[in-house]
Amino acid sequence: MNATGHMWIGGTDPVAFAKDHGDRVGHVHFKDVRLDIAQRVRDGELSYYDAVTEGLYTPLGQGDVDVKGITSTLISQGYTGWFVLEQDNVMRQEPDSGGGPMVDAKASVEFLRAVAAEATV
């Protein structure tokens, strides 16, 4: 399954895709996005780079992609493949140790673990 955030930006509902084609999904590349910012890119008001600097991509569960719905749907269909996380951002300076993108990555992992545990109960 292509990057879930990119699917949303391109106009494909990743939850519907998981429901309709979950048996063909070999891995999931998770990204969560803010659709208000994505729309500004689509409308030509904002460049992709500027959108990323404004927070286009969020930690999982903090954007508009239904990560919980995708995960639950796939697990209920017997999915046992990989969930790959990616956190795009623009860094203007070296972050403090344990800070910067690490904070967002940890939040995404914690969210995904909780959703997967709930889906398997």
PDB file of N, CA and C in Angstrom:
ATOM      1  N   MET A   1       0.857  -1.155   0.000  1.00  0.00           N
ATOM      2  CA  MET A   1       0.000   0.000   0.000  1.00  0.00           C
ATOM      3  C   MET A   1       0.908   1.224   0.000  1.00  0.00           C
ATOM      4  N   ASN A   2       0.776   2.055  -0.989  1.00  0.00           N
ATOM      5  CA  ASN A   2       1.587   3.262  -1.104  1.00  0.00           C
ATOM      6  C   ASN A   2       1.419   4.124   0.145  1.00  0.00           C
ATOM      7  N   ALA A   3       2.233   5.120   0.272  1.00  0.00           N
ATOM      8  CA  ALA A   3       2.154   6.001   1.443  1.00  0.00           C
ATOM      9  C   ALA A   3       0.719   6.490   1.626  1.00  0.00           C
ATOM     10  N   THR A   4       0.154   6.221   2.793  1.00  0.00           N
ATOM     11  CA  THR A   4      -1.243   6.554   3.049  1.00  0.00           C
ATOM     12  C   THR A   4      -1.508   8.043   2.905  1.00  0.00           C
ATOM     13  N   GLY A   5      -0.586   8.861   3.336  1.00  0.00           N
ATOM     14  CA  GLY A   5      -0.733  10.306   3.181  1.00  0.00           C
ATOM     15  C   GLY A   5      -0.730  10.721   1.725  1.00  0.00           C
ATOM     16  N   HIS A   6       0.128  10.108   0.938  1.00  0.00           N
ATOM     17  CA  HIS A   6       0.180  10.425  -0.487  1.00  0.00           C
ATOM     18  C   HIS A   6      -1.099   9.979  -1.176  1.00  0.00           C
ATOM     19  N   MET A   7      -1.667   8.853  -0.720  1.00  0.00           N
ATOM     20  CA  MET A   7      -2.933   8.406  -1.298  1.00  0.00           C
ATOM     21  C   MET A   7      -4.008   9.474  -1.069  1.00  0.00           C
ATOM     22  N   TRP A   8      -4.079   9.988   0.157  1.00  0.00           N
ATOM     23  CA  TRP A   8      -5.063  11.032   0.468  1.00  0.00           C
ATOM     24  C   TRP A   8      -4.830  12.262  -0.393  1.00  0.00           C
ATOM     25  N   ILE A   9      -3.576  12.704  -0.464  1.00  0.00           N
ATOM     26  CA  ILE A   9      -3.254  13.901  -1.243  1.00  0.00           C
ATOM     27  C   ILE A   9      -3.639  13.700  -2.707  1.00  0.00           C
ATOM     28  N   GLY A  10      -3.467  12.475  -3.211  1.00  0.00           N
ATOM     29  CA  GLY A  10      -3.800  12.169  -4.596  1.00  0.00           C
ATOM     30  C   GLY A  10      -5.270  11.889  -4.843  1.00  0.00           C
ATOM     31  N   GLY A  11      -6.078  11.864  -3.781  1.00  0.00           N
ATOM     32  CA  GLY A  11      -7.510  11.691  -3.960  1.00  0.00           C
ATOM     33  C   GLY A  11      -8.037  10.283  -3.746  1.00  0.00           C
ATOM     34  N   THR A  12      -7.219   9.379  -3.208  1.00  0.00           N
ATOM     35  CA  THR A  12      -7.660   8.008  -2.925  1.00  0.00           C
ATOM     36  C   THR A  12      -7.880   7.848  -1.434  1.00  0.00           C
ATOM     37  N   ASP A  13      -9.009   7.296  -1.048  1.00  0.00           N
ATOM     38  CA  ASP A  13      -9.303   7.034   0.360  1.00  0.00           C
ATOM     39  C   ASP A  13      -8.601   5.741   0.771  1.00  0.00           C
ATOM     40  N   PRO A  14      -7.575   5.825   1.630  1.00  0.00           N
ATOM     41  CA  PRO A  14      -6.826   4.616   1.981  1.00  0.00           C
ATOM     42  C   PRO A  14      -7.629   3.599   2.793  1.00  0.00           C
ATOM     43  N   VAL A  15      -8.653   4.033   3.528  1.00  0.00           N
ATOM     44  CA  VAL A  15      -9.487   3.074   4.257  1.00  0.00           C
ATOM     45  C   VAL A  15     -10.301   2.251   3.262  1.00  0.00           C
ATOM     46  N   ALA A  16     -10.906   2.921   2.302  1.00  0.00           N
ATOM     47  CA  ALA A  16     -11.661   2.206   1.268  1.00  0.00           C
ATOM     48  C   ALA A  16     -10.736   1.277   0.486  1.00  0.00           C
ATOM     49  N   PHE A  17      -9.540   1.742   0.200  1.00  0.00           N
ATOM     50  CA  PHE A  17      -8.567   0.908  -0.512  1.00  0.00           C
ATOM     51  C   PHE A  17      -8.251  -0.342   0.300  1.00  0.00           C
ATOM     52  N   ALA A  18      -8.032  -0.184   1.618  1.00  0.00           N
ATOM     53  CA  ALA A  18      -7.737  -1.332   2.482  1.00  0.00           C
ATOM     54  C   ALA A  18      -8.910  -2.309   2.499  1.00  0.00           C
ATOM     55  N   LYS A  19     -10.130  -1.787   2.558  1.00  0.00           N
ATOM     56  CA  LYS A  19     -11.317  -2.652   2.562  1.00  0.00           C
ATOM     57  C   LYS A  19     -11.453  -3.415   1.245  1.00  0.00           C
ATOM     58  N   ASP A  20     -11.216  -2.716   0.152  1.00  0.00           N
ATOM     59  CA  ASP A  20     -11.425  -3.312  -1.165  1.00  0.00           C
ATOM     60  C   ASP A  20     -10.268  -4.192  -1.635  1.00  0.00           C
ATOM     61  N   HIS A  21      -9.065  -3.880  -1.191  1.00  0.00           N
ATOM     62  CA  HIS A  21      -7.887  -4.569  -1.736  1.00  0.00           C
ATOM     63  C   HIS A  21      -6.930  -5.078  -0.657  1.00  0.00           C
ATOM     64  N   GLY A  22      -7.412  -5.188   0.575  1.00  0.00           N
ATOM     65  CA  GLY A  22      -6.549  -5.601   1.684  1.00  0.00           C
ATOM     66  C   GLY A  22      -5.845  -6.927   1.469  1.00  0.00           C
ATOM     67  N   ASP A  23      -6.484  -7.827   0.742  1.00  0.00           N
ATOM     68  CA  ASP A  23      -5.874  -9.134   0.483  1.00  0.00           C
ATOM     69  C   ASP A  23      -4.666  -9.039  -0.436  1.00  0.00           C
ATOM     70  N   ARG A  24      -4.484  -7.904  -1.088  1.00  0.00           N
ATOM     71  CA  ARG A  24      -3.345  -7.716  -1.997  1.00  0.00           C
ATOM     72  C   ARG A  24      -2.241  -6.860  -1.390  1.00  0.00           C
ATOM     73  N   VAL A  25      -2.452  -6.357  -0.174  1.00  0.00           N
ATOM     74  CA  VAL A  25      -1.486  -5.463   0.466  1.00  0.00           C
ATOM     75  C   VAL A  25      -0.363  -6.285   1.090  1.00  0.00           C
ATOM     76  N   GLY A  26       0.869  -6.014   0.675  1.00  0.00           N
ATOM     77  CA  GLY A  26       2.035  -6.721   1.208  1.00  0.00           C
ATOM     78  C   GLY A  26       2.763  -5.936   2.282  1.00  0.00           C
ATOM     79  N   HIS A  27       2.637  -4.625   2.267  1.00  0.00           N
ATOM     80  CA  HIS A  27       3.197  -3.768   3.314  1.00  0.00           C
ATOM     81  C   HIS A  27       2.457  -2.429   3.272  1.00  0.00           C
ATOM     82  N   VAL A  28       2.522  -1.699   4.373  1.00  0.00           N
ATOM     83  CA  VAL A  28       1.855  -0.407   4.470  1.00  0.00           C
ATOM     84  C   VAL A  28       2.899   0.653   4.795  1.00  0.00           C
ATOM     85  N   HIS A  29       2.902   1.699   4.006  1.00  0.00           N
ATOM     86  CA  HIS A  29       3.812   2.833   4.197  1.00  0.00           C
ATOM     87  C   HIS A  29       2.958   3.961   4.772  1.00  0.00           C
ATOM     88  N   PHE A  30       3.006   4.120   6.097  1.00  0.00           N
ATOM     89  CA  PHE A  30       2.151   5.086   6.768  1.00  0.00           C
ATOM     90  C   PHE A  30       2.721   6.492   6.749  1.00  0.00           C
ATOM     91  N   LYS A  31       1.865   7.425   6.393  1.00  0.00           N
ATOM     92  CA  LYS A  31       2.088   8.855   6.578  1.00  0.00           C
ATOM     93  C   LYS A  31       0.743   9.440   6.950  1.00  0.00           C
ATOM     94  N   ASP A  32       0.746  10.374   7.867  1.00  0.00           N
ATOM     95  CA  ASP A  32      -0.465  11.085   8.219  1.00  0.00           C
ATOM     96  C   ASP A  32      -0.289  12.524   7.752  1.00  0.00           C
ATOM     97  N   VAL A  33      -1.355  13.126   7.258  1.00  0.00           N
ATOM     98  CA  VAL A  33      -1.281  14.475   6.699  1.00  0.00           C
ATOM     99  C   VAL A  33      -2.418  15.347   7.204  1.00  0.00           C
ATOM    100  N   ARG A  34      -2.183  16.630   7.120  1.00  0.00           N
ATOM    101  CA  ARG A  34      -3.236  17.624   7.368  1.00  0.00           C
ATOM    102  C   ARG A  34      -3.827  17.990   6.013  1.00  0.00           C
ATOM    103  N   LEU A  35      -5.079  17.647   5.825  1.00  0.00           N
ATOM    104  CA  LEU A  35      -5.701  17.865   4.528  1.00  0.00           C
ATOM    105  C   LEU A  35      -5.913  19.335   4.204  1.00  0.00           C
ATOM    106  N   ASP A  36      -6.021  20.199   5.227  1.00  0.00           N
ATOM    107  CA  ASP A  36      -6.163  21.623   4.939  1.00  0.00           C
ATOM    108  C   ASP A  36      -4.919  22.163   4.244  1.00  0.00           C
ATOM    109  N   ILE A  37      -3.758  21.700   4.673  1.00  0.00           N
ATOM    110  CA  ILE A  37      -2.512  22.133   4.030  1.00  0.00           C
ATOM    111  C   ILE A  37      -2.370  21.472   2.665  1.00  0.00           C
ATOM    112  N   ALA A  38      -2.724  20.203   2.556  1.00  0.00           N
ATOM    113  CA  ALA A  38      -2.658  19.502   1.271  1.00  0.00           C
ATOM    114  C   ALA A  38      -3.527  20.198   0.226  1.00  0.00           C
ATOM    115  N   GLN A  39      -4.684  20.668   0.639  1.00  0.00           N
ATOM    116  CA  GLN A  39      -5.573  21.359  -0.296  1.00  0.00           C
ATOM    117  C   GLN A  39      -4.938  22.644  -0.812  1.00  0.00           C
ATOM    118  N   ARG A  40      -4.208  23.316   0.026  1.00  0.00           N
ATOM    119  CA  ARG A  40      -3.532  24.549  -0.399  1.00  0.00           C
ATOM    120  C   ARG A  40      -2.465  24.252  -1.446  1.00  0.00           C
ATOM    121  N   VAL A  41      -1.814  23.062  -1.332  1.00  0.00           N
ATOM    122  CA  VAL A  41      -0.848  22.652  -2.356  1.00  0.00           C
ATOM    123  C   VAL A  41      -1.597  22.363  -3.658  1.00  0.00           C
ATOM    124  N   ARG A  42      -2.672  21.607  -3.580  1.00  0.00           N
ATOM    125  CA  ARG A  42      -3.487  21.296  -4.763  1.00  0.00           C
ATOM    126  C   ARG A  42      -3.970  22.563  -5.465  1.00  0.00           C
ATOM    127  N   ASP A  43      -4.350  23.571  -4.671  1.00  0.00           N
ATOM    128  CA  ASP A  43      -4.878  24.822  -5.217  1.00  0.00           C
ATOM    129  C   ASP A  43      -3.794  25.758  -5.739  1.00  0.00           C
ATOM    130  N   GLY A  44      -2.524  25.383  -5.569  1.00  0.00           N
ATOM    131  CA  GLY A  44      -1.429  26.216  -6.041  1.00  0.00           C
ATOM    132  C   GLY A  44      -1.097  27.387  -5.134  1.00  0.00           C
ATOM    133  N   GLU A  45      -1.672  27.404  -3.940  1.00  0.00           N
ATOM    134  CA  GLU A  45      -1.413  28.494  -2.998  1.00  0.00           C
ATOM    135  C   GLU A  45      -0.096  28.311  -2.252  1.00  0.00           C
ATOM    136  N   LEU A  46       0.395  27.088  -2.222  1.00  0.00           N
ATOM    137  CA  LEU A  46       1.536  26.747  -1.390  1.00  0.00           C
ATOM    138  C   LEU A  46       2.382  25.718  -2.117  1.00  0.00           C
ATOM    139  N   SER A  47       3.704  25.888  -2.090  1.00  0.00           N
ATOM    140  CA  SER A  47       4.575  24.872  -2.685  1.00  0.00           C
ATOM    141  C   SER A  47       4.631  23.651  -1.762  1.00  0.00           C
ATOM    142  N   TYR A  48       5.005  22.518  -2.324  1.00  0.00           N
ATOM    143  CA  TYR A  48       5.121  21.302  -1.518  1.00  0.00           C
ATOM    144  C   TYR A  48       6.128  21.513  -0.380  1.00  0.00           C
ATOM    145  N   TYR A  49       7.263  22.110  -0.698  1.00  0.00           N
ATOM    146  CA  TYR A  49       8.281  22.367   0.321  1.00  0.00           C
ATOM    147  C   TYR A  49       7.711  23.218   1.456  1.00  0.00           C
ATOM    148  N   ASP A  50       7.045  24.294   1.096  1.00  0.00           N
ATOM    149  CA  ASP A  50       6.465  25.160   2.124  1.00  0.00           C
ATOM    150  C   ASP A  50       5.403  24.425   2.931  1.00  0.00           C
ATOM    151  N   ALA A  51       4.656  23.555   2.266  1.00  0.00           N
ATOM    152  CA  ALA A  51       3.643  22.766   2.973  1.00  0.00           C
ATOM    153  C   ALA A  51       4.290  21.870   4.027  1.00  0.00           C
ATOM    154  N   VAL A  52       5.400  21.256   3.670  1.00  0.00           N
ATOM    155  CA  VAL A  52       6.104  20.396   4.632  1.00  0.00           C
ATOM    156  C   VAL A  52       6.596  21.235   5.807  1.00  0.00           C
ATOM    157  N   THR A  53       7.109  22.430   5.529  1.00  0.00           N
ATOM    158  CA  THR A  53       7.588  23.276   6.633  1.00  0.00           C
ATOM    159  C   THR A  53       6.443  23.746   7.525  1.00  0.00           C
ATOM    160  N   GLU A  54       5.220  23.810   6.977  1.00  0.00           N
ATOM    161  CA  GLU A  54       4.058  24.243   7.749  1.00  0.00           C
ATOM    162  C   GLU A  54       3.345  23.098   8.469  1.00  0.00           C
ATOM    163  N   GLY A  55       3.899  21.881   8.368  1.00  0.00           N
ATOM    164  CA  GLY A  55       3.314  20.757   9.100  1.00  0.00           C
ATOM    165  C   GLY A  55       2.364  19.899   8.303  1.00  0.00           C
ATOM    166  N   LEU A  56       2.583  19.784   6.998  1.00  0.00           N
ATOM    167  CA  LEU A  56       1.752  18.921   6.158  1.00  0.00           C
ATOM    168  C   LEU A  56       1.693  17.506   6.733  1.00  0.00           C
ATOM    169  N   TYR A  57       2.844  16.974   7.099  1.00  0.00           N
ATOM    170  CA  TYR A  57       2.909  15.621   7.649  1.00  0.00           C
ATOM    171  C   TYR A  57       2.961  15.692   9.167  1.00  0.00           C
ATOM    172  N   THR A  58       2.146  14.856   9.801  1.00  0.00           N
ATOM    173  CA  THR A  58       2.045  14.843  11.254  1.00  0.00           C
ATOM    174  C   THR A  58       2.409  13.463  11.782  1.00  0.00           C
ATOM    175  N   PRO A  59       2.672  13.343  13.079  1.00  0.00           N
ATOM    176  CA  PRO A  59       2.783  12.005  13.659  1.00  0.00           C
ATOM    177  C   PRO A  59       1.466  11.255  13.434  1.00  0.00           C
ATOM    178  N   LEU A  60       1.538   9.953  13.337  1.00  0.00           N
ATOM    179  CA  LEU A  60       0.335   9.152  13.120  1.00  0.00           C
ATOM    180  C   LEU A  60      -0.704   9.446  14.188  1.00  0.00           C
ATOM    181  N   GLY A  61      -1.944   9.599  13.742  1.00  0.00           N
ATOM    182  CA  GLY A  61      -3.037   9.874  14.653  1.00  0.00           C
ATOM    183  C   GLY A  61      -3.288  11.345  14.909  1.00  0.00           C
ATOM    184  N   GLN A  62      -2.410  12.206  14.408  1.00  0.00           N
ATOM    185  CA  GLN A  62      -2.577  13.639  14.633  1.00  0.00           C
ATOM    186  C   GLN A  62      -2.999  14.394  13.371  1.00  0.00           C
ATOM    187  N   GLY A  63      -3.114  13.669  12.270  1.00  0.00           N
ATOM    188  CA  GLY A  63      -3.540  14.275  11.017  1.00  0.00           C
ATOM    189  C   GLY A  63      -4.925  13.798  10.637  1.00  0.00           C
ATOM    190  N   ASP A  64      -5.221  13.857   9.352  1.00  0.00           N
ATOM    191  CA  ASP A  64      -6.557  13.550   8.854  1.00  0.00           C
ATOM    192  C   ASP A  64      -6.704  12.164   8.239  1.00  0.00           C
ATOM    193  N   VAL A  65      -5.622  11.416   8.098  1.00  0.00           N
ATOM    194  CA  VAL A  65      -5.700  10.052   7.582  1.00  0.00           C
ATOM    195  C   VAL A  65      -6.217   9.146   8.703  1.00  0.00           C
ATOM    196  N   ASP A  66      -7.158   8.285   8.385  1.00  0.00           N
ATOM    197  CA  ASP A  66      -7.731   7.379   9.378  1.00  0.00           C
ATOM    198  C   ASP A  66      -6.806   6.173   9.571  1.00  0.00           C
ATOM    199  N   VAL A  67      -5.684   6.407  10.240  1.00  0.00           N
ATOM    200  CA  VAL A  67      -4.688   5.364  10.471  1.00  0.00           C
ATOM    201  C   VAL A  67      -5.298   4.204  11.255  1.00  0.00           C
ATOM    202  N   LYS A  68      -6.110   4.541  12.232  1.00  0.00           N
ATOM    203  CA  LYS A  68      -6.760   3.495  13.028  1.00  0.00           C
ATOM    204  C   LYS A  68      -7.658   2.635  12.138  1.00  0.00           C
ATOM    205  N   GLY A  69      -8.444   3.254  11.278  1.00  0.00           N
ATOM    206  CA  GLY A  69      -9.328   2.512  10.387  1.00  0.00           C
ATOM    207  C   GLY A  69      -8.571   1.618   9.427  1.00  0.00           C
ATOM    208  N   ILE A  70      -7.485   2.120   8.868  1.00  0.00           N
ATOM    209  CA  ILE A  70      -6.673   1.326   7.941  1.00  0.00           C
ATOM    210  C   ILE A  70      -6.084   0.126   8.671  1.00  0.00           C
ATOM    211  N   THR A  71      -5.480   0.383   9.828  1.00  0.00           N
ATOM    212  CA  THR A  71      -4.831  -0.678  10.595  1.00  0.00           C
ATOM    213  C   THR A  71      -5.842  -1.737  11.027  1.00  0.00           C
ATOM    214  N   SER A  72      -6.948  -1.310  11.592  1.00  0.00           N
ATOM    215  CA  SER A  72      -7.979  -2.242  12.059  1.00  0.00           C
ATOM    216  C   SER A  72      -8.544  -3.069  10.915  1.00  0.00           C
ATOM    217  N   THR A  73      -8.802  -2.413   9.792  1.00  0.00           N
ATOM    218  CA  THR A  73      -9.338  -3.119   8.625  1.00  0.00           C
ATOM    219  C   THR A  73      -8.379  -4.196   8.154  1.00  0.00           C
ATOM    220  N   LEU A  74      -7.130  -3.844   8.008  1.00  0.00           N
ATOM    221  CA  LEU A  74      -6.159  -4.818   7.511  1.00  0.00           C
ATOM    222  C   LEU A  74      -5.953  -5.973   8.489  1.00  0.00           C
ATOM    223  N   ILE A  75      -5.815  -5.661   9.768  1.00  0.00           N
ATOM    224  CA  ILE A  75      -5.617  -6.718  10.759  1.00  0.00           C
ATOM    225  C   ILE A  75      -6.829  -7.644  10.800  1.00  0.00           C
ATOM    226  N   SER A  76      -8.030  -7.091  10.699  1.00  0.00           N
ATOM    227  CA  SER A  76      -9.239  -7.928  10.706  1.00  0.00           C
ATOM    228  C   SER A  76      -9.298  -8.844   9.486  1.00  0.00           C
ATOM    229  N   GLN A  77      -8.592  -8.472   8.420  1.00  0.00           N
ATOM    230  CA  GLN A  77      -8.529  -9.301   7.215  1.00  0.00           C
ATOM    231  C   GLN A  77      -7.370 -10.292   7.269  1.00  0.00           C
ATOM    232  N   GLY A  78      -6.645 -10.312   8.381  1.00  0.00           N
ATOM    233  CA  GLY A  78      -5.538 -11.253   8.527  1.00  0.00           C
ATOM    234  C   GLY A  78      -4.186 -10.724   8.096  1.00  0.00           C
ATOM    235  N   TYR A  79      -4.063  -9.421   7.891  1.00  0.00           N
ATOM    236  CA  TYR A  79      -2.797  -8.827   7.470  1.00  0.00           C
ATOM    237  C   TYR A  79      -1.708  -9.082   8.507  1.00  0.00           C
ATOM    238  N   THR A  80      -0.548  -9.557   8.060  1.00  0.00           N
ATOM    239  CA  THR A  80       0.590  -9.800   8.950  1.00  0.00           C
ATOM    240  C   THR A  80       1.863  -9.155   8.416  1.00  0.00           C
ATOM    241  N   GLY A  81       1.711  -8.258   7.457  1.00  0.00           N
ATOM    242  CA  GLY A  81       2.879  -7.624   6.845  1.00  0.00           C
ATOM    243  C   GLY A  81       3.444  -6.483   7.671  1.00  0.00           C
ATOM    244  N   TRP A  82       4.308  -5.734   7.035  1.00  0.00           N
ATOM    245  CA  TRP A  82       5.010  -4.628   7.670  1.00  0.00           C
ATOM    246  C   TRP A  82       4.152  -3.366   7.694  1.00  0.00           C
ATOM    247  N   PHE A  83       4.326  -2.593   8.765  1.00  0.00           N
ATOM    248  CA  PHE A  83       3.846  -1.226   8.840  1.00  0.00           C
ATOM    249  C   PHE A  83       5.091  -0.350   8.885  1.00  0.00           C
ATOM    250  N   VAL A  84       5.334   0.408   7.838  1.00  0.00           N
ATOM    251  CA  VAL A  84       6.515   1.263   7.737  1.00  0.00           C
ATOM    252  C   VAL A  84       6.094   2.691   8.071  1.00  0.00           C
ATOM    253  N   LEU A  85       6.853   3.339   8.927  1.00  0.00           N
ATOM    254  CA  LEU A  85       6.558   4.717   9.327  1.00  0.00           C
ATOM    255  C   LEU A  85       7.553   5.660   8.667  1.00  0.00           C
ATOM    256  N   GLU A  86       7.049   6.800   8.250  1.00  0.00           N
ATOM    257  CA  GLU A  86       7.917   7.835   7.696  1.00  0.00           C
ATOM    258  C   GLU A  86       7.400   9.178   8.171  1.00  0.00           C
ATOM    259  N   GLN A  87       8.310  10.012   8.641  1.00  0.00           N
ATOM    260  CA  GLN A  87       7.928  11.327   9.139  1.00  0.00           C
ATOM    261  C   GLN A  87       8.705  12.378   8.361  1.00  0.00           C
ATOM    262  N   ASP A  88       8.069  12.981   7.369  1.00  0.00           N
ATOM    263  CA  ASP A  88       8.719  14.023   6.583  1.00  0.00           C
ATOM    264  C   ASP A  88       8.683  15.333   7.349  1.00  0.00           C
ATOM    265  N   ASN A  89       9.796  16.024   7.345  1.00  0.00           N
ATOM    266  CA  ASN A  89       9.835  17.383   7.870  1.00  0.00           C
ATOM    267  C   ASN A  89      11.061  18.091   7.323  1.00  0.00           C
ATOM    268  N   VAL A  90      11.117  19.371   7.528  1.00  0.00           N
ATOM    269  CA  VAL A  90      12.252  20.181   7.114  1.00  0.00           C
ATOM    270  C   VAL A  90      12.944  20.648   8.384  1.00  0.00           C
ATOM    271  N   MET A  91      14.218  20.316   8.493  1.00  0.00           N
ATOM    272  CA  MET A  91      14.986  20.709   9.685  1.00  0.00           C
ATOM    273  C   MET A  91      15.875  21.883   9.313  1.00  0.00           C
ATOM    274  N   ARG A  92      15.763  22.924  10.091  1.00  0.00           N
ATOM    275  CA  ARG A  92      16.560  24.123   9.824  1.00  0.00           C
ATOM    276  C   ARG A  92      17.808  24.192  10.691  1.00  0.00           C
ATOM    277  N   GLN A  93      17.842  23.340  11.714  1.00  0.00           N
ATOM    278  CA  GLN A  93      19.027  23.278  12.570  1.00  0.00           C
ATOM    279  C   GLN A  93      19.075  21.905  13.234  1.00  0.00           C
ATOM    280  N   GLU A  94      20.221  21.562  13.759  1.00  0.00           N
ATOM    281  CA  GLU A  94      20.406  20.290  14.448  1.00  0.00           C
ATOM    282  C   GLU A  94      19.548  20.273  15.713  1.00  0.00           C
ATOM    283  N   PRO A  95      18.706  19.254  15.874  1.00  0.00           N
ATOM    284  CA  PRO A  95      17.863  19.203  17.079  1.00  0.00           C
ATOM    285  C   PRO A  95      18.663  18.753  18.300  1.00  0.00           C
ATOM    286  N   ASP A  96      18.109  19.034  19.463  1.00  0.00           N
ATOM    287  CA  ASP A  96      18.701  18.521  20.693  1.00  0.00           C
ATOM    288  C   ASP A  96      18.635  16.999  20.675  1.00  0.00           C
ATOM    289  N   SER A  97      19.515  16.356  21.401  1.00  0.00           N
ATOM    290  CA  SER A  97      19.518  14.896  21.502  1.00  0.00           C
ATOM    291  C   SER A  97      18.152  14.411  21.994  1.00  0.00           C
ATOM    292  N   GLY A  98      17.545  13.494  21.236  1.00  0.00           N
ATOM    293  CA  GLY A  98      16.234  12.974  21.591  1.00  0.00           C
ATOM    294  C   GLY A  98      15.094  13.873  21.191  1.00  0.00           C
ATOM    295  N   GLY A  99      15.393  15.013  20.579  1.00  0.00           N
ATOM    296  CA  GLY A  99      14.353  15.962  20.166  1.00  0.00           C
ATOM    297  C   GLY A  99      14.125  15.893  18.677  1.00  0.00           C
ATOM    298  N   GLY A 100      13.549  16.926  18.138  1.00  0.00           N
ATOM    299  CA  GLY A 100      13.316  17.011  16.695  1.00  0.00           C
ATOM    300  C   GLY A 100      12.412  15.902  16.193  1.00  0.00           C
ATOM    301  N   PRO A 101      12.777  15.289  15.075  1.00  0.00           N
ATOM    302  CA  PRO A 101      11.929  14.265  14.474  1.00  0.00           C
ATOM    303  C   PRO A 101      11.768  13.022  15.342  1.00  0.00           C
ATOM    304  N   MET A 102      12.698  12.820  16.277  1.00  0.00           N
ATOM    305  CA  MET A 102      12.610  11.660  17.161  1.00  0.00           C
ATOM    306  C   MET A 102      11.328  11.710  17.998  1.00  0.00           C
ATOM    307  N   VAL A 103      10.918  12.890  18.407  1.00  0.00           N
ATOM    308  CA  VAL A 103       9.705  13.045  19.210  1.00  0.00           C
ATOM    309  C   VAL A 103       8.489  12.589  18.394  1.00  0.00           C
ATOM    310  N   ASP A 104       8.415  13.041  17.133  1.00  0.00           N
ATOM    311  CA  ASP A 104       7.300  12.650  16.268  1.00  0.00           C
ATOM    312  C   ASP A 104       7.337  11.158  15.955  1.00  0.00           C
ATOM    313  N   ALA A 105       8.521  10.611  15.722  1.00  0.00           N
ATOM    314  CA  ALA A 105       8.639   9.176  15.428  1.00  0.00           C
ATOM    315  C   ALA A 105       8.168   8.343  16.613  1.00  0.00           C
ATOM    316  N   LYS A 106       8.562   8.725  17.814  1.00  0.00           N
ATOM    317  CA  LYS A 106       8.117   7.997  19.009  1.00  0.00           C
ATOM    318  C   LYS A 106       6.605   8.070  19.175  1.00  0.00           C
ATOM    319  N   ALA A 107       6.026   9.233  18.938  1.00  0.00           N
ATOM    320  CA  ALA A 107       4.572   9.392  19.048  1.00  0.00           C
ATOM    321  C   ALA A 107       3.867   8.491  18.032  1.00  0.00           C
ATOM    322  N   SER A 108       4.405   8.407  16.821  1.00  0.00           N
ATOM    323  CA  SER A 108       3.812   7.556  15.790  1.00  0.00           C
ATOM    324  C   SER A 108       3.880   6.086  16.172  1.00  0.00           C
ATOM    325  N   VAL A 109       5.018   5.648  16.676  1.00  0.00           N
ATOM    326  CA  VAL A 109       5.175   4.247  17.078  1.00  0.00           C
ATOM    327  C   VAL A 109       4.214   3.913  18.212  1.00  0.00           C
ATOM    328  N   GLU A 110       4.130   4.779  19.208  1.00  0.00           N
ATOM    329  CA  GLU A 110       3.220   4.533  20.332  1.00  0.00           C
ATOM    330  C   GLU A 110       1.771   4.461  19.861  1.00  0.00           C
ATOM    331  N   PHE A 111       1.377   5.368  18.981  1.00  0.00           N
ATOM    332  CA  PHE A 111       0.016   5.363  18.462  1.00  0.00           C
ATOM    333  C   PHE A 111      -0.266   4.073  17.701  1.00  0.00           C
ATOM    334  N   LEU A 112       0.638   3.695  16.813  1.00  0.00           N
ATOM    335  CA  LEU A 112       0.427   2.500  15.993  1.00  0.00           C
ATOM    336  C   LEU A 112       0.394   1.236  16.846  1.00  0.00           C
ATOM    337  N   ARG A 113       1.257   1.152  17.830  1.00  0.00           N
ATOM    338  CA  ARG A 113       1.240  -0.015  18.729  1.00  0.00           C
ATOM    339  C   ARG A 113      -0.096  -0.130  19.461  1.00  0.00           C
ATOM    340  N   ALA A 114      -0.609   1.002  19.944  1.00  0.00           N
ATOM    341  CA  ALA A 114      -1.897   0.989  20.671  1.00  0.00           C
ATOM    342  C   ALA A 114      -3.035   0.578  19.747  1.00  0.00           C
ATOM    343  N   VAL A 115      -3.038   1.099  18.522  1.00  0.00           N
ATOM    344  CA  VAL A 115      -4.094   0.769  17.571  1.00  0.00           C
ATOM    345  C   VAL A 115      -4.011  -0.714  17.185  1.00  0.00           C
ATOM    346  N   ALA A 116      -2.818  -1.216  16.929  1.00  0.00           N
ATOM    347  CA  ALA A 116      -2.659  -2.627  16.558  1.00  0.00           C
ATOM    348  C   ALA A 116      -3.072  -3.544  17.711  1.00  0.00           C
ATOM    349  N   ALA A 117      -2.709  -3.182  18.940  1.00  0.00           N
ATOM    350  CA  ALA A 117      -3.086  -4.002  20.092  1.00  0.00           C
ATOM    351  C   ALA A 117      -4.603  -4.044  20.256  1.00  0.00           C
ATOM    352  N   GLU A 118      -5.245  -2.909  20.052  1.00  0.00           N
ATOM    353  CA  GLU A 118      -6.703  -2.835  20.156  1.00  0.00           C
ATOM    354  C   GLU A 118      -7.364  -3.648  19.044  1.00  0.00           C
ATOM    355  N   ALA A 119      -6.779  -3.640  17.873  1.00  0.00           N
ATOM    356  CA  ALA A 119      -7.358  -4.354  16.734  1.00  0.00           C
ATOM    357  C   ALA A 119      -7.236  -5.855  16.881  1.00  0.00           C
ATOM    358  N   THR A 120      -6.266  -6.327  17.645  1.00  0.00           N
ATOM    359  CA  THR A 120      -6.065  -7.763  17.792  1.00  0.00           C
ATOM    360  C   THR A 120      -6.780  -8.344  18.979  1.00  0.00           C
ATOM    361  N   VAL A 121      -7.436  -7.494  19.793  1.00  0.00           N
ATOM    362  CA  VAL A 121      -8.141  -7.968  20.979  1.00  0.00           C
ATOM    363  C   VAL A 121      -9.469  -8.568  20.624  1.00  0.00           C
TER     364      VAL A 121
END
